[in-house]
């Protein structure tokens, strides 16, 4: 394992399926039933991704449409997998950073939440599970987890990203077409709410140092820029199946995906999560950078 992402554990491998550790882990985890699905299942349909509005998708063959949907579905599942995988390391890291018995107990319980979620998500991926990710959001998440600044950790990971996770998982659950997977994402919500509430409570008890605020602003500016750029994973899935796309084709696809509405809704949700108390100064500084404004399609393609 590399030193860069030691806590996040992005490249931690899985043990062999017949390893004794697997049997011990299975016995320790809550009863999960049989959640394994067919790898080619489309849990979210074309309308979920707004693909039904995209001409190149409409004109694609049935096989190509299925391949594009397979990639977009896989991308969502892998993102959830890596978020929960990183979460196990993060929550365990927060145990020794706790300043009261109750805080330490909470983070011990939260570590178990993330381990359970990781196990459950793994059932919905094909047999060969990912051991690393090149997704920019996942890499940024992993970099933040390695931080030694507790203020940064609380605000970025538990207030902003756990709060965002509540909205994200709620939408995944509501619009998923497979009842078992929909129920699984819905079951994450109570734990995500506790993680978010704990982060908010602890953050509001501590002063925000200037260097901590500067780091928070830098990290969130990078994250919000990714949101401003619209549904890039959908665009990448189309290009992977259809082949090279020109700049004008990419702009047209993003316009058909209504990228400004897509990004604008998400940016306003994220902004609302950051408001209140000492966080208002952070919001004001981000406002001044213009990172809550969605970008038009032609600004989302280089």
Protein backbone atom coordinates (compact mmCIF):
# COMPACT_ATOMS: atom_id res chain seq x y z
CA UNK A 1 0.00 0.00 0.00
CA UNK A 2 1.32 3.47 -0.88
CA UNK A 3 2.04 6.01 1.84
CA UNK A 4 0.03 8.68 -0.02
CA UNK A 5 -3.35 7.17 0.80
CA UNK A 6 -2.55 5.08 3.88
CA UNK A 7 -5.67 6.14 5.83
CA UNK A 8 -8.03 6.17 2.84
CA UNK A 9 -6.82 2.72 1.81
CA UNK A 10 -7.80 3.17 -1.84
CA UNK A 11 -5.39 0.47 -2.99
CA UNK A 12 -5.98 -1.97 -0.14
CA UNK A 13 -6.60 -5.38 -1.76
CA UNK A 14 -9.31 -7.84 -0.79
CA UNK A 15 -8.38 -11.21 0.67
CA UNK A 16 -8.98 -14.40 -1.27
CA UNK A 17 -12.69 -15.43 -1.15
CA UNK A 18 -11.71 -18.60 0.72
CA UNK A 19 -9.53 -16.82 3.27
CA UNK A 20 -10.48 -17.50 6.90
CA UNK A 21 -10.64 -13.74 7.57
CA UNK A 22 -13.57 -13.56 5.16
CA UNK A 23 -15.50 -16.14 7.16
CA UNK A 24 -14.80 -14.31 10.43
CA UNK A 25 -15.86 -10.99 8.86
CA UNK A 26 -19.05 -12.49 7.46
CA UNK A 27 -19.96 -13.79 10.91
CA UNK A 28 -19.29 -10.38 12.48
CA UNK A 29 -21.33 -8.34 9.97
CA UNK A 30 -25.09 -7.91 10.31
CA UNK A 31 -27.15 -10.47 8.39
CA UNK A 32 -27.26 -9.15 4.82
CA UNK A 33 -29.12 -11.89 2.96
CA UNK A 34 -28.35 -12.55 -0.71
CA UNK A 35 -27.76 -9.16 -2.30
CA UNK A 36 -25.64 -10.26 -5.26
CA UNK A 37 -27.10 -9.04 -8.55
CA UNK A 38 -26.30 -9.65 -12.21
CA UNK A 39 -23.33 -7.46 -13.23
CA UNK A 40 -25.23 -6.11 -16.26
CA UNK A 41 -28.27 -4.91 -14.28
CA UNK A 42 -29.35 -1.33 -14.98
CA UNK A 43 -30.29 -0.11 -11.54
CA UNK A 44 -30.86 3.46 -12.79
CA UNK A 45 -32.36 4.09 -16.23
CA UNK A 46 -31.65 6.54 -19.04
CA UNK A 47 -33.98 9.17 -17.57
CA UNK A 48 -32.05 9.18 -14.28
CA UNK A 49 -28.94 10.30 -16.18
CA UNK A 50 -30.97 12.51 -18.60
CA UNK A 51 -29.65 10.34 -21.44
CA UNK A 52 -33.12 10.23 -23.01
CA UNK A 53 -32.54 13.90 -23.95
CA UNK A 54 -29.24 13.20 -25.76
CA UNK A 55 -29.48 12.71 -29.53
CA UNK A 56 -26.35 10.58 -29.89
CA UNK A 57 -27.77 8.22 -27.26
CA UNK A 58 -31.21 8.17 -28.88
CA UNK A 59 -29.62 7.26 -32.23
CA UNK A 60 -27.33 4.61 -30.76
CA UNK A 61 -28.02 0.91 -31.21
CA UNK A 62 -29.66 -1.04 -28.41
CA UNK A 63 -26.30 -2.65 -27.61
CA UNK A 64 -24.57 0.74 -27.44
CA UNK A 65 -27.29 2.19 -25.22
CA UNK A 66 -26.97 -0.78 -22.90
CA UNK A 67 -23.19 -0.36 -22.78
CA UNK A 68 -23.46 3.34 -21.95
CA UNK A 69 -25.98 2.66 -19.21
CA UNK A 70 -23.78 -0.12 -17.87
CA UNK A 71 -20.84 2.29 -17.56
CA UNK A 72 -22.89 5.04 -15.89
CA UNK A 73 -24.41 2.56 -13.44
CA UNK A 74 -21.01 1.06 -12.68
CA UNK A 75 -19.58 4.55 -12.10
CA UNK A 76 -22.20 5.30 -9.43
CA UNK A 77 -21.60 2.01 -7.65
CA UNK A 78 -17.81 2.38 -7.74
CA UNK A 79 -18.05 5.92 -6.39
CA UNK A 80 -20.14 4.66 -3.45
CA UNK A 81 -17.70 1.78 -2.93
CA UNK A 82 -14.70 4.12 -2.69
CA UNK A 83 -16.53 6.61 -0.47
CA UNK A 84 -17.38 3.88 2.03
CA UNK A 85 -13.90 2.33 1.72
CA UNK A 86 -12.34 5.71 2.53
CA UNK A 87 -14.90 6.22 5.30
CA UNK A 88 -13.72 3.15 7.20
CA UNK A 89 -10.21 4.59 7.43
CA UNK A 90 -11.43 8.09 8.23
CA UNK A 91 -13.73 7.08 11.09
CA UNK A 92 -11.04 4.83 12.58
CA UNK A 93 -8.59 7.75 12.37
CA UNK A 94 -11.00 9.95 14.32
CA UNK A 95 -11.14 7.52 17.26
CA UNK A 96 -7.71 8.49 18.68
CA UNK A 97 -8.38 12.17 17.86
CA UNK A 98 -11.47 12.17 20.11
CA UNK A 99 -11.40 14.51 23.10
CA UNK A 100 -14.14 12.87 25.19
CA UNK A 101 -15.23 9.32 25.91
CA UNK A 102 -18.52 9.91 24.12
CA UNK A 103 -16.80 11.24 21.00
CA UNK A 104 -14.50 8.22 20.91
CA UNK A 105 -17.45 5.86 21.33
CA UNK A 106 -19.34 7.58 18.50
CA UNK A 107 -16.42 7.26 16.09
CA UNK A 108 -16.01 3.61 17.04
CA UNK A 109 -19.66 3.05 16.10
CA UNK A 110 -19.26 5.12 12.91
CA UNK A 111 -16.33 2.95 11.84
CA UNK A 112 -18.63 -0.06 12.09
CA UNK A 113 -21.26 1.80 10.02
CA UNK A 114 -18.79 2.40 7.22
CA UNK A 115 -17.46 -1.17 7.32
CA UNK A 116 -21.02 -2.51 7.05
CA UNK A 117 -21.85 -0.16 4.17
CA UNK A 118 -18.66 -1.15 2.35
CA UNK A 119 -19.53 -4.82 2.64
CA UNK A 120 -23.06 -4.22 1.42
CA UNK A 121 -22.00 -2.14 -1.59
CA UNK A 122 -19.41 -4.76 -2.54
CA UNK A 123 -22.20 -7.29 -3.13
CA UNK A 124 -23.52 -5.18 -5.99
CA UNK A 125 -20.28 -5.00 -7.94
CA UNK A 126 -18.94 -7.71 -10.25
CA UNK A 127 -16.70 -10.35 -8.71
CA UNK A 128 -13.48 -8.47 -9.46
CA UNK A 129 -13.83 -5.42 -7.26
CA UNK A 130 -11.79 -2.25 -7.82
CA UNK A 131 -8.65 -1.69 -5.76
CA UNK A 132 -7.88 1.83 -6.96
CA UNK A 133 -9.63 4.80 -8.50
CA UNK A 134 -8.64 7.55 -10.91
CA UNK A 135 -11.85 9.48 -10.25
CA UNK A 136 -10.84 13.08 -9.38
CA UNK A 137 -13.45 13.34 -6.63
CA UNK A 138 -12.32 10.12 -4.96
CA UNK A 139 -8.67 11.21 -5.16
CA UNK A 140 -9.52 14.58 -3.57
CA UNK A 141 -11.52 12.83 -0.86
CA UNK A 142 -8.58 10.54 -0.12
CA UNK A 143 -6.18 13.48 0.09
CA UNK A 144 -8.39 15.23 2.65
CA UNK A 145 -8.66 12.07 4.76
CA UNK A 146 -4.87 12.09 5.13
CA UNK A 147 -4.99 15.62 6.64
CA UNK A 148 -3.88 16.15 10.24
CA UNK A 149 -6.12 19.20 10.72
CA UNK A 150 -9.23 18.12 12.63
CA UNK A 151 -11.08 21.33 11.75
CA UNK A 152 -10.61 20.61 8.04
CA UNK A 153 -11.65 16.99 8.49
CA UNK A 154 -14.84 17.90 10.35
CA UNK A 155 -15.98 20.63 7.99
CA UNK A 156 -15.09 19.12 4.62
CA UNK A 157 -15.85 15.48 5.31
CA UNK A 158 -18.63 15.45 7.88
CA UNK A 159 -20.47 18.70 7.34
CA UNK A 160 -20.19 19.12 3.57
CA UNK A 161 -19.61 15.65 2.14
CA UNK A 162 -21.68 13.64 4.64
CA UNK A 163 -24.45 16.21 4.23
CA UNK A 164 -24.17 15.88 0.47
CA UNK A 165 -24.16 12.09 0.87
CA UNK A 166 -27.55 12.27 2.56
CA UNK A 167 -29.06 13.97 -0.49
CA UNK A 168 -27.17 11.76 -2.93
CA UNK A 169 -28.08 8.42 -1.32
CA UNK A 170 -31.69 9.53 -0.88
CA UNK A 171 -31.93 10.20 -4.61
CA UNK A 172 -30.19 6.92 -5.51
CA UNK A 173 -32.66 5.04 -3.31
CA UNK A 174 -35.72 6.85 -4.63
CA UNK A 175 -34.91 6.36 -8.33
CA UNK A 176 -33.30 2.90 -8.25
CA UNK A 177 -35.29 0.27 -10.16
CA UNK A 178 -34.07 -2.70 -8.12
CA UNK A 179 -35.88 -2.89 -4.76
CA UNK A 180 -33.01 -4.54 -2.85
CA UNK A 181 -30.45 -1.94 -3.89
CA UNK A 182 -32.97 0.87 -3.35
CA UNK A 183 -33.62 -0.40 0.17
CA UNK A 184 -29.89 -0.64 0.81
CA UNK A 185 -29.23 3.01 -0.05
CA UNK A 186 -32.25 4.05 2.01
CA UNK A 187 -30.82 2.12 4.96
CA UNK A 188 -27.65 4.26 4.83
CA UNK A 189 -29.53 7.47 5.59
CA UNK A 190 -29.83 7.23 9.39
CA UNK A 191 -26.11 6.58 9.77
CA UNK A 192 -25.19 9.38 7.36
CA UNK A 193 -27.42 11.76 9.33
CA UNK A 194 -25.63 10.84 12.60
CA UNK A 195 -22.20 11.31 10.99
CA UNK A 196 -23.25 14.72 9.63
CA UNK A 197 -24.82 15.87 12.92
CA UNK A 198 -21.72 14.86 14.89
CA UNK A 199 -19.44 16.76 12.52
CA UNK A 200 -21.64 19.88 12.79
CA UNK A 201 -21.76 19.68 16.60
CA UNK A 202 -18.00 19.25 17.02
CA UNK A 203 -17.10 21.89 14.41
CA UNK A 204 -19.29 24.48 16.11
CA UNK A 205 -17.41 23.93 19.38
CA UNK A 206 -14.00 24.93 18.04
CA UNK A 207 -12.54 28.18 16.66
CA UNK A 208 -11.45 28.10 13.01
CA UNK A 209 -7.79 29.08 12.64
CA UNK A 210 -6.76 31.10 9.59
CA UNK A 211 -4.65 28.29 8.14
CA UNK A 212 -7.51 25.81 8.61
CA UNK A 213 -9.92 28.13 6.83
CA UNK A 214 -7.45 28.58 3.96
CA UNK A 215 -7.17 24.81 3.53
CA UNK A 216 -10.95 24.38 3.68
CA UNK A 217 -11.39 27.03 0.99
CA UNK A 218 -8.79 25.42 -1.26
CA UNK A 219 -10.28 21.94 -0.95
CA UNK A 220 -13.87 23.07 -1.40
CA UNK A 221 -12.97 25.24 -4.39
CA UNK A 222 -11.53 22.14 -6.07
CA UNK A 223 -14.61 20.07 -5.19
CA UNK A 224 -17.10 22.72 -6.27
CA UNK A 225 -15.27 23.17 -9.57
CA UNK A 226 -15.88 19.47 -10.25
CA UNK A 227 -19.58 20.04 -9.59
CA UNK A 228 -19.57 23.14 -11.82
CA UNK A 229 -18.23 20.99 -14.67
CA UNK A 230 -21.49 19.03 -14.86
CA UNK A 231 -22.08 15.31 -15.55
CA UNK A 232 -18.61 14.52 -16.90
CA UNK A 233 -18.93 10.81 -16.06
CA UNK A 234 -21.96 10.52 -18.36
CA UNK A 235 -20.06 12.30 -21.13
CA UNK A 236 -17.10 9.94 -20.62
CA UNK A 237 -19.36 6.88 -20.82
CA UNK A 238 -20.80 8.05 -24.14
CA UNK A 239 -17.32 8.67 -25.56
CA UNK A 240 -16.04 5.31 -24.34
CA UNK A 241 -18.80 3.51 -26.26
CA UNK A 242 -19.20 5.78 -29.30
CA UNK A 243 -15.54 6.65 -29.79
CA UNK A 244 -13.82 10.03 -29.99
CA UNK A 245 -16.11 13.03 -29.69
CA UNK A 246 -15.24 16.47 -31.03
CA UNK A 247 -15.40 19.51 -28.78
CA UNK A 248 -18.62 20.67 -30.44
CA UNK A 249 -20.19 17.23 -29.93
CA UNK A 250 -19.27 17.29 -26.24
CA UNK A 251 -20.76 20.75 -25.82
CA UNK A 252 -23.97 19.63 -27.53
CA UNK A 253 -24.22 16.56 -25.29
CA UNK A 254 -23.73 18.65 -22.14
CA UNK A 255 -26.35 21.13 -23.35
CA UNK A 256 -28.76 18.26 -23.95
CA UNK A 257 -27.97 16.97 -20.46
CA UNK A 258 -28.92 20.46 -19.21
CA UNK A 259 -25.60 20.78 -17.43
CA UNK A 260 -26.28 24.21 -15.89
CA UNK A 261 -29.46 23.01 -14.18
CA UNK A 262 -27.71 19.76 -13.16
CA UNK A 263 -24.83 21.67 -11.57
CA UNK A 264 -26.85 24.59 -10.25
CA UNK A 265 -29.15 22.40 -8.17
CA UNK A 266 -26.22 20.55 -6.63
CA UNK A 267 -24.24 23.72 -5.95
CA UNK A 268 -27.14 25.30 -4.07
CA UNK A 269 -27.58 22.18 -1.93
CA UNK A 270 -23.88 22.26 -1.09
CA UNK A 271 -24.01 25.97 -0.30
CA UNK A 272 -26.92 25.43 2.09
CA UNK A 273 -24.94 22.77 3.98
CA UNK A 274 -22.17 25.26 4.78
CA UNK A 275 -24.25 28.05 6.26
CA UNK A 276 -24.39 29.07 9.93
CA UNK A 277 -21.94 30.22 12.59
CA UNK A 278 -18.27 30.37 11.68
CA UNK A 279 -19.05 28.66 8.36
CA UNK A 280 -20.62 31.87 7.03
CA UNK A 281 -17.16 33.35 6.45
CA UNK A 282 -16.25 30.29 4.40
CA UNK A 283 -19.40 30.62 2.30
CA UNK A 284 -18.72 34.32 1.72
CA UNK A 285 -15.16 33.62 0.58
CA UNK A 286 -16.36 30.88 -1.78
CA UNK A 287 -19.07 33.20 -3.11
CA UNK A 288 -16.37 35.74 -3.93
CA UNK A 289 -14.56 33.07 -5.96
CA UNK A 290 -17.73 32.38 -7.93
CA UNK A 291 -17.62 28.64 -7.31
CA UNK A 292 -21.34 28.34 -6.57
CA UNK A 293 -22.24 29.47 -10.10
CA UNK A 294 -22.91 26.68 -12.63
CA UNK A 295 -20.91 26.83 -15.85
CA UNK A 296 -22.38 26.79 -19.36
CA UNK A 297 -21.60 23.74 -21.50
CA UNK A 298 -18.88 25.47 -23.53
CA UNK A 299 -16.94 26.19 -20.32
CA UNK A 300 -17.09 22.51 -19.28
CA UNK A 301 -15.09 21.21 -22.24
CA UNK A 302 -11.40 21.88 -22.81
